[in-house]
Amino acid sequence: MLNYLTVSFSMLSLSIWFFLSTIGAQKSPNKVEVTVLTPLPINSTHIPEADSKKLPKSPQLKEPVDSSLQFALNFAQKHIAKNKFLKRIKYSKPNIEYQIHISRDYYFSKNESHLNIRRVNQQEILIDVFVKAGNDFKKALSLQEDVLEYVSDTIQDIDGDGFKDYVIQTYSCCGCCLRAVSKVYLQKTQGSFVANPYKFMNPTFSPKEKIIRGICYGQAGDTEIYKYKWRGRQIDTLEFIAYQKRPNGERTGKFLILRSRKSETNQNILKVINKVPKEYLRIVGYDWFTGKI
């Protein structure tokens, strides 16, 4: 387990709940290797922007680079010969302070180490992943999250292709219902990631099956559960399951297997069943579907 810097926010209890849910999602007959990046306190080292200029410069990236990121890259450049290192530090700019976590390890591959730079201020979390390219680092992934919505991040193979992916767990500040979202950045080849994440609502992943099961957004006891399947980098929607209800909204005790989410037409109904298949019972948050919360 890797130690990362603390992100403090008012939804701490919700964060803990969702973190446990993320781990629980892996408790299936198929064992899944997961690296959880867990926040821990930063050390007291503090570098103002002016002092950071004393560090040796690494080659500039092609696109404009924020000074806090350039500072982190400068530090990493000094240790480029090391495949593993860890540094936590504070960094100041006018009217803003960053907590920066700089680490390098074999996060995504046994053959190549990656540089992970995480910068946190009061509003946002910025994460950049780099691979070594000659005597410098080449950016492989860059993402940004709101501090109030970020919960945690993990490194694991989500689509069952043998490559470890980067998964960000978030929980929106606004909404009426269960709204845990996982953003999956698939690793295409060693050190190369998709630019735009796949987003899943309240998911439970089963990589060995190449299946994602989860709970749709909606009121407790009045929403659907879903099943998707990976086909390469494409996602096939297999089915949705919902309670069968009478016109007055009363449940009949049976369930509908649907082509898509709720529809008024019978053409959307694939099958009527007496009970939910066992494969769905291990979905994290299943009680939200039943309404027994």
C-alpha atoms as a PDB file:
ATOM      1  CA  MET A   1       0.000   0.000   0.000  1.00  0.00           C
ATOM      2  CA  LEU A   2       1.360   3.401  -0.984  1.00  0.00           C
ATOM      3  CA  ASN A   3       1.196   6.457   1.240  1.00  0.00           C
ATOM      4  CA  TYR A   4      -0.008   9.653  -0.340  1.00  0.00           C
ATOM      5  CA  LEU A   5      -0.668  13.124   1.020  1.00  0.00           C
ATOM      6  CA  THR A   6      -3.806  14.094   2.855  1.00  0.00           C
ATOM      7  CA  VAL A   7      -6.784  15.726   1.240  1.00  0.00           C
ATOM      8  CA  SER A   8      -9.061  17.181   3.929  1.00  0.00           C
ATOM      9  CA  PHE A   9     -12.638  17.940   3.117  1.00  0.00           C
ATOM     10  CA  SER A  10     -16.049  18.037   4.753  1.00  0.00           C
ATOM     11  CA  MET A  11     -17.252  14.779   3.182  1.00  0.00           C
ATOM     12  CA  LEU A  12     -14.693  12.656   5.059  1.00  0.00           C
ATOM     13  CA  SER A  13     -17.208  10.102   6.313  1.00  0.00           C
ATOM     14  CA  LEU A  14     -18.555   9.694   2.791  1.00  0.00           C
ATOM     15  CA  SER A  15     -14.996   9.296   1.532  1.00  0.00           C
ATOM     16  CA  ILE A  16     -14.344   6.475   3.990  1.00  0.00           C
ATOM     17  CA  TRP A  17     -17.587   4.751   3.016  1.00  0.00           C
ATOM     18  CA  PHE A  18     -16.789   4.904  -0.673  1.00  0.00           C
ATOM     19  CA  PHE A  19     -13.174   3.846  -0.127  1.00  0.00           C
ATOM     20  CA  LEU A  20     -14.402   0.710   1.634  1.00  0.00           C
ATOM     21  CA  SER A  21     -16.917   0.181  -1.140  1.00  0.00           C
ATOM     22  CA  THR A  22     -14.114   0.352  -3.691  1.00  0.00           C
ATOM     23  CA  ILE A  23     -12.180  -2.345  -1.862  1.00  0.00           C
ATOM     24  CA  GLY A  24     -15.359  -4.359  -1.373  1.00  0.00           C
ATOM     25  CA  ALA A  25     -15.897  -4.286  -5.106  1.00  0.00           C
ATOM     26  CA  GLN A  26     -12.880  -6.531  -5.449  1.00  0.00           C
ATOM     27  CA  LYS A  27     -14.247  -9.229  -3.125  1.00  0.00           C
ATOM     28  CA  SER A  28     -15.455 -11.622  -5.761  1.00  0.00           C
ATOM     29  CA  PRO A  29     -14.521 -15.179  -6.762  1.00  0.00           C
ATOM     30  CA  ASN A  30     -11.954 -13.599  -9.117  1.00  0.00           C
ATOM     31  CA  LYS A  31      -9.004 -12.202  -7.202  1.00  0.00           C
ATOM     32  CA  VAL A  32      -7.939  -8.785  -8.461  1.00  0.00           C
ATOM     33  CA  GLU A  33      -4.587  -7.109  -7.819  1.00  0.00           C
ATOM     34  CA  VAL A  34      -5.251  -3.570  -6.631  1.00  0.00           C
ATOM     35  CA  THR A  35      -2.871  -0.816  -5.557  1.00  0.00           C
ATOM     36  CA  VAL A  36      -4.700   1.723  -3.414  1.00  0.00           C
ATOM     37  CA  LEU A  37      -3.217   5.213  -3.236  1.00  0.00           C
ATOM     38  CA  THR A  38      -4.171   6.249   0.287  1.00  0.00           C
ATOM     39  CA  PRO A  39      -3.760   9.810   1.620  1.00  0.00           C
ATOM     40  CA  LEU A  40      -1.417  10.359   4.600  1.00  0.00           C
ATOM     41  CA  PRO A  41       0.030  13.568   6.133  1.00  0.00           C
ATOM     42  CA  ILE A  42       2.672  15.518   4.252  1.00  0.00           C
ATOM     43  CA  ASN A  43       6.039  16.330   5.858  1.00  0.00           C
ATOM     44  CA  SER A  44       6.923  19.841   6.968  1.00  0.00           C
ATOM     45  CA  THR A  45       9.396  20.677   4.198  1.00  0.00           C
ATOM     46  CA  HIS A  46       8.361  23.970   2.635  1.00  0.00           C
ATOM     47  CA  ILE A  47       9.835  25.539  -0.528  1.00  0.00           C
ATOM     48  CA  PRO A  48       8.717  29.013  -1.661  1.00  0.00           C
ATOM     49  CA  GLU A  49       8.598  29.617  -5.396  1.00  0.00           C
ATOM     50  CA  ALA A  50      11.674  31.851  -5.350  1.00  0.00           C
ATOM     51  CA  ASP A  51      13.839  29.161  -3.741  1.00  0.00           C
ATOM     52  CA  SER A  52      12.695  26.531  -6.229  1.00  0.00           C
ATOM     53  CA  LYS A  53      14.633  28.386  -8.926  1.00  0.00           C
ATOM     54  CA  LYS A  54      17.859  27.222  -7.265  1.00  0.00           C
ATOM     55  CA  LEU A  55      17.168  23.613  -8.293  1.00  0.00           C
ATOM     56  CA  PRO A  56      18.647  22.376 -11.592  1.00  0.00           C
ATOM     57  CA  LYS A  57      16.148  22.646 -14.432  1.00  0.00           C
ATOM     58  CA  SER A  58      14.863  19.637 -16.316  1.00  0.00           C
ATOM     59  CA  PRO A  59      14.153  20.037 -20.029  1.00  0.00           C
ATOM     60  CA  GLN A  60      10.878  21.926 -20.511  1.00  0.00           C
ATOM     61  CA  LEU A  61       7.839  20.046 -21.784  1.00  0.00           C
ATOM     62  CA  LYS A  62       6.474  21.190 -25.135  1.00  0.00           C
ATOM     63  CA  GLU A  63       3.302  22.648 -23.631  1.00  0.00           C
ATOM     64  CA  PRO A  64       3.348  25.452 -21.016  1.00  0.00           C
ATOM     65  CA  VAL A  65       4.080  24.024 -17.564  1.00  0.00           C
ATOM     66  CA  ASP A  66       2.809  25.406 -14.265  1.00  0.00           C
ATOM     67  CA  SER A  67       5.706  26.372 -12.002  1.00  0.00           C
ATOM     68  CA  SER A  68       4.596  23.898  -9.321  1.00  0.00           C
ATOM     69  CA  LEU A  69       4.766  21.037 -11.827  1.00  0.00           C
ATOM     70  CA  GLN A  70       8.083  22.256 -13.203  1.00  0.00           C
ATOM     71  CA  PHE A  71       9.433  22.366  -9.646  1.00  0.00           C
ATOM     72  CA  ALA A  72       8.381  18.738  -9.115  1.00  0.00           C
ATOM     73  CA  LEU A  73       9.954  17.731 -12.423  1.00  0.00           C
ATOM     74  CA  ASN A  74      13.166  19.498 -11.465  1.00  0.00           C
ATOM     75  CA  PHE A  75      13.347  17.422  -8.300  1.00  0.00           C
ATOM     76  CA  ALA A  76      12.582  14.206 -10.184  1.00  0.00           C
ATOM     77  CA  GLN A  77      15.283  15.042 -12.723  1.00  0.00           C
ATOM     78  CA  LYS A  78      17.876  15.011  -9.944  1.00  0.00           C
ATOM     79  CA  HIS A  79      16.864  11.420  -9.132  1.00  0.00           C
ATOM     80  CA  ILE A  80      16.224  10.142 -12.648  1.00  0.00           C
ATOM     81  CA  ALA A  81      18.736   7.320 -12.155  1.00  0.00           C
ATOM     82  CA  LYS A  82      16.571   5.874  -9.372  1.00  0.00           C
ATOM     83  CA  ASN A  83      13.647   3.619 -10.306  1.00  0.00           C
ATOM     84  CA  LYS A  84      12.062   4.158  -6.894  1.00  0.00           C
ATOM     85  CA  PHE A  85      11.920   7.263  -4.730  1.00  0.00           C
ATOM     86  CA  LEU A  86       9.431   9.246  -2.660  1.00  0.00           C
ATOM     87  CA  LYS A  87       9.285  12.913  -1.645  1.00  0.00           C
ATOM     88  CA  ARG A  88       6.528  14.957  -0.030  1.00  0.00           C
ATOM     89  CA  ILE A  89       6.905  18.709   0.079  1.00  0.00           C
ATOM     90  CA  LYS A  90       5.017  22.016   0.306  1.00  0.00           C
ATOM     91  CA  TYR A  91       5.384  24.616  -2.411  1.00  0.00           C
ATOM     92  CA  SER A  92       4.148  28.232  -2.416  1.00  0.00           C
ATOM     93  CA  LYS A  93       3.065  30.541  -5.212  1.00  0.00           C
ATOM     94  CA  PRO A  94       1.400  33.953  -4.788  1.00  0.00           C
ATOM     95  CA  ASN A  95      -1.992  33.394  -3.115  1.00  0.00           C
ATOM     96  CA  ILE A  96      -1.787  29.599  -3.397  1.00  0.00           C
ATOM     97  CA  GLU A  97       0.007  26.748  -1.662  1.00  0.00           C
ATOM     98  CA  TYR A  98       0.503  23.244  -2.990  1.00  0.00           C
ATOM     99  CA  GLN A  99       1.127  19.995  -1.213  1.00  0.00           C
ATOM    100  CA  ILE A 100       3.194  17.990  -3.663  1.00  0.00           C
ATOM    101  CA  HIS A 101       3.848  14.270  -3.627  1.00  0.00           C
ATOM    102  CA  ILE A 102       6.584  13.089  -5.989  1.00  0.00           C
ATOM    103  CA  SER A 103       7.133   9.362  -6.325  1.00  0.00           C
ATOM    104  CA  ARG A 104       8.519   6.845  -8.756  1.00  0.00           C
ATOM    105  CA  ASP A 105       7.856   3.110  -8.681  1.00  0.00           C
ATOM    106  CA  TYR A 106       6.737   0.148 -10.770  1.00  0.00           C
ATOM    107  CA  TYR A 107       3.106   1.184 -10.502  1.00  0.00           C
ATOM    108  CA  PHE A 108       1.855   0.044 -13.900  1.00  0.00           C
ATOM    109  CA  SER A 109       4.479  -2.431 -15.063  1.00  0.00           C
ATOM    110  CA  LYS A 110       7.070  -4.826 -13.639  1.00  0.00           C
ATOM    111  CA  ASN A 111       9.486  -3.750 -16.373  1.00  0.00           C
ATOM    112  CA  GLU A 112       9.237   0.043 -16.282  1.00  0.00           C
ATOM    113  CA  SER A 113       8.830   2.471 -13.407  1.00  0.00           C
ATOM    114  CA  HIS A 114       6.571   5.504 -13.651  1.00  0.00           C
ATOM    115  CA  LEU A 115       6.871   8.939 -12.133  1.00  0.00           C
ATOM    116  CA  ASN A 116       3.726  10.097 -10.343  1.00  0.00           C
ATOM    117  CA  ILE A 117       3.387  13.774  -9.405  1.00  0.00           C
ATOM    118  CA  ARG A 118       0.386  14.766  -7.318  1.00  0.00           C
ATOM    119  CA  ARG A 119      -0.288  18.438  -6.512  1.00  0.00           C
ATOM    120  CA  VAL A 120      -3.036  19.496  -4.134  1.00  0.00           C
ATOM    121  CA  ASN A 121      -4.301  22.966  -3.297  1.00  0.00           C
ATOM    122  CA  GLN A 122      -7.531  24.110  -1.649  1.00  0.00           C
ATOM    123  CA  GLN A 123      -9.599  23.703  -4.811  1.00  0.00           C
ATOM    124  CA  GLU A 124      -8.158  20.880  -6.882  1.00  0.00           C
ATOM    125  CA  ILE A 125      -6.031  17.772  -7.160  1.00  0.00           C
ATOM    126  CA  LEU A 126      -3.720  17.566 -10.164  1.00  0.00           C
ATOM    127  CA  ILE A 127      -2.127  14.218 -11.039  1.00  0.00           C
ATOM    128  CA  ASP A 128       0.499  13.739 -13.741  1.00  0.00           C
ATOM    129  CA  VAL A 129       2.119  10.441 -14.705  1.00  0.00           C
ATOM    130  CA  PHE A 130       5.402  10.275 -16.628  1.00  0.00           C
ATOM    131  CA  VAL A 131       7.633   7.607 -18.153  1.00  0.00           C
ATOM    132  CA  LYS A 132      11.376   7.910 -18.604  1.00  0.00           C
ATOM    133  CA  ALA A 133      12.425   8.939 -22.104  1.00  0.00           C
ATOM    134  CA  GLY A 134      16.190   9.109 -22.462  1.00  0.00           C
ATOM    135  CA  ASN A 135      17.468  11.593 -19.888  1.00  0.00           C
ATOM    136  CA  ASP A 136      14.093  13.173 -19.296  1.00  0.00           C
ATOM    137  CA  PHE A 137      10.490  12.297 -18.414  1.00  0.00           C
ATOM    138  CA  LYS A 138       7.666  12.088 -20.968  1.00  0.00           C
ATOM    139  CA  LYS A 139       4.082  12.737 -19.859  1.00  0.00           C
ATOM    140  CA  ALA A 140       1.800   9.705 -20.126  1.00  0.00           C
ATOM    141  CA  LEU A 141      -1.320  10.935 -18.321  1.00  0.00           C
ATOM    142  CA  SER A 142      -2.649  14.162 -16.852  1.00  0.00           C
ATOM    143  CA  LEU A 143      -5.867  14.674 -14.894  1.00  0.00           C
ATOM    144  CA  GLN A 144      -7.560  17.136 -12.586  1.00  0.00           C
ATOM    145  CA  GLU A 145     -10.239  16.640  -9.914  1.00  0.00           C
ATOM    146  CA  ASP A 146     -12.177  18.859  -7.541  1.00  0.00           C
ATOM    147  CA  VAL A 147     -10.974  18.414  -3.950  1.00  0.00           C
ATOM    148  CA  LEU A 148     -14.534  18.169  -2.626  1.00  0.00           C
ATOM    149  CA  GLU A 149     -15.455  15.365  -5.043  1.00  0.00           C
ATOM    150  CA  TYR A 150     -12.246  13.329  -5.057  1.00  0.00           C
ATOM    151  CA  VAL A 151     -12.362  10.182  -2.902  1.00  0.00           C
ATOM    152  CA  SER A 152      -9.391   7.994  -3.816  1.00  0.00           C
ATOM    153  CA  ASP A 153      -7.495   6.445  -6.700  1.00  0.00           C
ATOM    154  CA  THR A 154      -6.342   2.930  -7.450  1.00  0.00           C
ATOM    155  CA  ILE A 155      -4.133   1.170  -9.959  1.00  0.00           C
ATOM    156  CA  GLN A 156      -5.607  -2.093 -11.246  1.00  0.00           C
ATOM    157  CA  ASP A 157      -6.475  -3.971 -14.403  1.00  0.00           C
ATOM    158  CA  ILE A 158     -10.099  -3.001 -15.026  1.00  0.00           C
ATOM    159  CA  ASP A 159     -10.771  -4.444 -18.483  1.00  0.00           C
ATOM    160  CA  GLY A 160      -8.911  -7.731 -18.059  1.00  0.00           C
ATOM    161  CA  ASP A 161      -6.322  -7.113 -20.784  1.00  0.00           C
ATOM    162  CA  GLY A 162      -3.305  -7.584 -18.505  1.00  0.00           C
ATOM    163  CA  PHE A 163      -2.397  -3.877 -18.353  1.00  0.00           C
ATOM    164  CA  LYS A 164      -2.920  -1.963 -15.115  1.00  0.00           C
ATOM    165  CA  ASP A 165      -5.212   1.043 -15.449  1.00  0.00           C
ATOM    166  CA  TYR A 166      -5.598   4.247 -13.441  1.00  0.00           C
ATOM    167  CA  VAL A 167      -8.958   4.582 -11.670  1.00  0.00           C
ATOM    168  CA  ILE A 168     -10.180   7.751  -9.953  1.00  0.00           C
ATOM    169  CA  GLN A 169     -13.098   7.460  -7.539  1.00  0.00           C
ATOM    170  CA  THR A 170     -15.269  10.553  -7.088  1.00  0.00           C
ATOM    171  CA  TYR A 171     -18.528  11.436  -5.369  1.00  0.00           C
ATOM    172  CA  SER A 172     -20.453  14.494  -6.547  1.00  0.00           C
ATOM    173  CA  CYS A 173     -21.283  17.220  -4.041  1.00  0.00           C
ATOM    174  CA  CYS A 174     -24.743  17.592  -5.600  1.00  0.00           C
ATOM    175  CA  GLY A 175     -27.499  15.070  -6.211  1.00  0.00           C
ATOM    176  CA  CYS A 176     -30.309  13.170  -4.557  1.00  0.00           C
ATOM    177  CA  CYS A 177     -29.077   9.629  -4.899  1.00  0.00           C
ATOM    178  CA  LEU A 178     -26.183   7.206  -4.791  1.00  0.00           C
ATOM    179  CA  ARG A 179     -23.625   8.805  -7.124  1.00  0.00           C
ATOM    180  CA  ALA A 180     -20.209   7.215  -6.758  1.00  0.00           C
ATOM    181  CA  VAL A 181     -18.407   7.545 -10.096  1.00  0.00           C
ATOM    182  CA  SER A 182     -15.283   5.689 -11.200  1.00  0.00           C
ATOM    183  CA  LYS A 183     -13.252   7.289 -13.980  1.00  0.00           C
ATOM    184  CA  VAL A 184     -11.112   4.670 -15.711  1.00  0.00           C
ATOM    185  CA  TYR A 185      -8.024   5.660 -17.705  1.00  0.00           C
ATOM    186  CA  LEU A 186      -7.184   2.506 -19.644  1.00  0.00           C
ATOM    187  CA  GLN A 187      -3.542   1.702 -20.263  1.00  0.00           C
ATOM    188  CA  LYS A 188      -3.384   0.980 -24.007  1.00  0.00           C
ATOM    189  CA  THR A 189       0.213  -0.235 -24.144  1.00  0.00           C
ATOM    190  CA  GLN A 190       2.975  -0.085 -21.592  1.00  0.00           C
ATOM    191  CA  GLY A 191       3.111   3.527 -20.426  1.00  0.00           C
ATOM    192  CA  SER A 192       0.412   4.805 -22.804  1.00  0.00           C
ATOM    193  CA  PHE A 193      -3.090   5.713 -21.608  1.00  0.00           C
ATOM    194  CA  VAL A 194      -6.346   6.787 -23.216  1.00  0.00           C
ATOM    195  CA  ALA A 195      -6.792  10.550 -23.011  1.00  0.00           C
ATOM    196  CA  ASN A 196     -10.460  10.483 -21.975  1.00  0.00           C
ATOM    197  CA  PRO A 197     -11.686   8.277 -19.126  1.00  0.00           C
ATOM    198  CA  TYR A 198     -14.544   5.778 -19.184  1.00  0.00           C
ATOM    199  CA  LYS A 199     -17.059   6.796 -16.520  1.00  0.00           C
ATOM    200  CA  PHE A 200     -19.141   4.293 -14.560  1.00  0.00           C
ATOM    201  CA  MET A 201     -21.899   5.030 -12.052  1.00  0.00           C
ATOM    202  CA  ASN A 202     -21.742   3.039  -8.786  1.00  0.00           C
ATOM    203  CA  PRO A 203     -19.726   0.226 -10.407  1.00  0.00           C
ATOM    204  CA  THR A 204     -18.454  -3.149  -9.263  1.00  0.00           C
ATOM    205  CA  PHE A 205     -15.702  -4.396 -11.562  1.00  0.00           C
ATOM    206  CA  SER A 206     -14.985  -7.996 -12.480  1.00  0.00           C
ATOM    207  CA  PRO A 207     -11.904  -7.844 -14.741  1.00  0.00           C
ATOM    208  CA  LYS A 208     -11.520 -11.596 -15.303  1.00  0.00           C
ATOM    209  CA  GLU A 209     -15.067 -11.701 -16.667  1.00  0.00           C
ATOM    210  CA  LYS A 210     -14.504  -8.374 -18.472  1.00  0.00           C
ATOM    211  CA  ILE A 211     -17.776  -7.324 -16.843  1.00  0.00           C
ATOM    212  CA  ILE A 212     -18.952  -4.179 -15.038  1.00  0.00           C
ATOM    213  CA  ARG A 213     -22.073  -4.414 -12.899  1.00  0.00           C
ATOM    214  CA  GLY A 214     -23.524  -1.463 -11.061  1.00  0.00           C
ATOM    215  CA  ILE A 215     -26.427   0.664  -9.943  1.00  0.00           C
ATOM    216  CA  CYS A 216     -27.929   3.400 -12.099  1.00  0.00           C
ATOM    217  CA  TYR A 217     -28.565   6.881 -10.755  1.00  0.00           C
ATOM    218  CA  GLY A 218     -31.998   7.124  -9.179  1.00  0.00           C
ATOM    219  CA  GLN A 219     -34.008   6.981  -5.979  1.00  0.00           C
ATOM    220  CA  ALA A 220     -33.459   4.038  -3.636  1.00  0.00           C
ATOM    221  CA  GLY A 221     -35.719   1.146  -4.625  1.00  0.00           C
ATOM    222  CA  ASP A 222     -36.714   2.884  -7.867  1.00  0.00           C
ATOM    223  CA  THR A 223     -33.705   2.578 -10.142  1.00  0.00           C
ATOM    224  CA  GLU A 224     -32.073  -0.119 -12.261  1.00  0.00           C
ATOM    225  CA  ILE A 225     -28.971  -2.248 -12.019  1.00  0.00           C
ATOM    226  CA  TYR A 226     -26.857  -2.735 -15.125  1.00  0.00           C
ATOM    227  CA  LYS A 227     -24.340  -5.065 -16.732  1.00  0.00           C
ATOM    228  CA  TYR A 228     -21.752  -3.965 -19.298  1.00  0.00           C
ATOM    229  CA  LYS A 229     -18.994  -5.937 -20.989  1.00  0.00           C
ATOM    230  CA  TRP A 230     -15.649  -4.914 -22.454  1.00  0.00           C
ATOM    231  CA  ARG A 231     -15.051  -5.688 -26.122  1.00  0.00           C
ATOM    232  CA  GLY A 232     -11.539  -4.449 -26.661  1.00  0.00           C
ATOM    233  CA  ARG A 233     -11.821  -0.799 -25.715  1.00  0.00           C
ATOM    234  CA  GLN A 234     -15.522  -0.757 -26.567  1.00  0.00           C
ATOM    235  CA  ILE A 235     -18.256  -1.277 -23.983  1.00  0.00           C
ATOM    236  CA  ASP A 236     -21.302  -3.388 -24.803  1.00  0.00           C
ATOM    237  CA  THR A 237     -24.486  -2.845 -22.808  1.00  0.00           C
ATOM    238  CA  LEU A 238     -25.800  -6.308 -22.002  1.00  0.00           C
ATOM    239  CA  GLU A 239     -28.885  -5.598 -19.897  1.00  0.00           C
ATOM    240  CA  PHE A 240     -30.633  -3.637 -17.177  1.00  0.00           C
ATOM    241  CA  ILE A 241     -32.794  -5.102 -14.415  1.00  0.00           C
ATOM    242  CA  ALA A 242     -35.691  -3.269 -12.760  1.00  0.00           C
ATOM    243  CA  TYR A 243     -38.609  -4.099 -10.503  1.00  0.00           C
ATOM    244  CA  GLN A 244     -41.807  -4.884 -12.377  1.00  0.00           C
ATOM    245  CA  LYS A 245     -44.521  -2.504 -11.217  1.00  0.00           C
ATOM    246  CA  ARG A 246     -48.227  -2.099 -11.695  1.00  0.00           C
ATOM    247  CA  PRO A 247     -49.661   1.159 -13.095  1.00  0.00           C
ATOM    248  CA  ASN A 248     -50.147   2.455  -9.547  1.00  0.00           C
ATOM    249  CA  GLY A 249     -46.414   1.942  -8.808  1.00  0.00           C
ATOM    250  CA  GLU A 250     -46.894  -1.155  -6.636  1.00  0.00           C
ATOM    251  CA  ARG A 251     -44.304  -3.906  -7.116  1.00  0.00           C
ATOM    252  CA  THR A 252     -45.509  -7.212  -8.527  1.00  0.00           C
ATOM    253  CA  GLY A 253     -42.701  -9.243  -6.940  1.00  0.00           C
ATOM    254  CA  LYS A 254     -41.120  -9.936 -10.335  1.00  0.00           C
ATOM    255  CA  PHE A 255     -38.283  -8.276 -12.231  1.00  0.00           C
ATOM    256  CA  LEU A 256     -37.807  -7.026 -15.781  1.00  0.00           C
ATOM    257  CA  ILE A 257     -34.709  -7.602 -17.885  1.00  0.00           C
ATOM    258  CA  LEU A 258     -34.507  -4.574 -20.174  1.00  0.00           C
ATOM    259  CA  ARG A 259     -32.615  -3.562 -23.306  1.00  0.00           C
ATOM    260  CA  SER A 260     -32.109  -0.073 -21.894  1.00  0.00           C
ATOM    261  CA  ARG A 261     -33.225   1.895 -18.877  1.00  0.00           C
ATOM    262  CA  LYS A 262     -36.920   2.312 -18.031  1.00  0.00           C
ATOM    263  CA  SER A 263     -39.256   2.641 -20.989  1.00  0.00           C
ATOM    264  CA  GLU A 264     -43.007   2.809 -21.367  1.00  0.00           C
ATOM    265  CA  THR A 265     -42.987   0.422 -24.330  1.00  0.00           C
ATOM    266  CA  ASN A 266     -42.993  -3.358 -24.041  1.00  0.00           C
ATOM    267  CA  GLN A 267     -40.389  -3.522 -26.819  1.00  0.00           C
ATOM    268  CA  ASN A 268     -37.791  -2.624 -24.224  1.00  0.00           C
ATOM    269  CA  ILE A 269     -38.568  -5.745 -22.164  1.00  0.00           C
ATOM    270  CA  LEU A 270     -36.427  -8.791 -22.916  1.00  0.00           C
ATOM    271  CA  LYS A 271     -37.726 -11.066 -20.185  1.00  0.00           C
ATOM    272  CA  VAL A 272     -39.701 -11.237 -16.932  1.00  0.00           C
ATOM    273  CA  ILE A 273     -37.992 -13.156 -14.101  1.00  0.00           C
ATOM    274  CA  ASN A 274     -38.949 -14.155 -10.570  1.00  0.00           C
ATOM    275  CA  LYS A 275     -35.723 -13.124  -8.845  1.00  0.00           C
ATOM    276  CA  VAL A 276     -32.510 -11.245  -9.503  1.00  0.00           C
ATOM    277  CA  PRO A 277     -29.679 -13.525 -10.722  1.00  0.00           C
ATOM    278  CA  LYS A 278     -27.046 -14.284  -8.080  1.00  0.00           C
ATOM    279  CA  GLU A 279     -24.307 -12.531 -10.059  1.00  0.00           C
ATOM    280  CA  TYR A 280     -25.884  -9.176  -9.207  1.00  0.00           C
ATOM    281  CA  LEU A 281     -26.111  -9.753  -5.469  1.00  0.00           C
ATOM    282  CA  ARG A 282     -22.427  -8.948  -4.945  1.00  0.00           C
ATOM    283  CA  ILE A 283     -22.764  -5.435  -6.380  1.00  0.00           C
ATOM    284  CA  VAL A 284     -21.512  -2.918  -3.827  1.00  0.00           C
ATOM    285  CA  GLY A 285     -24.515  -0.901  -2.666  1.00  0.00           C
ATOM    286  CA  TYR A 286     -27.056  -3.527  -3.803  1.00  0.00           C
ATOM    287  CA  ASP A 287     -29.357  -2.458  -0.944  1.00  0.00           C
ATOM    288  CA  TRP A 288     -29.870   0.832  -2.764  1.00  0.00           C
ATOM    289  CA  PHE A 289     -31.464  -1.101  -5.620  1.00  0.00           C
ATOM    290  CA  THR A 290     -33.823  -2.948  -3.290  1.00  0.00           C
ATOM    291  CA  GLY A 291     -34.560   0.176  -1.242  1.00  0.00           C
ATOM    292  CA  LYS A 292     -33.698  -1.635   1.995  1.00  0.00           C
ATOM    293  CA  ILE A 293     -31.197   0.907   3.305  1.00  0.00           C
END
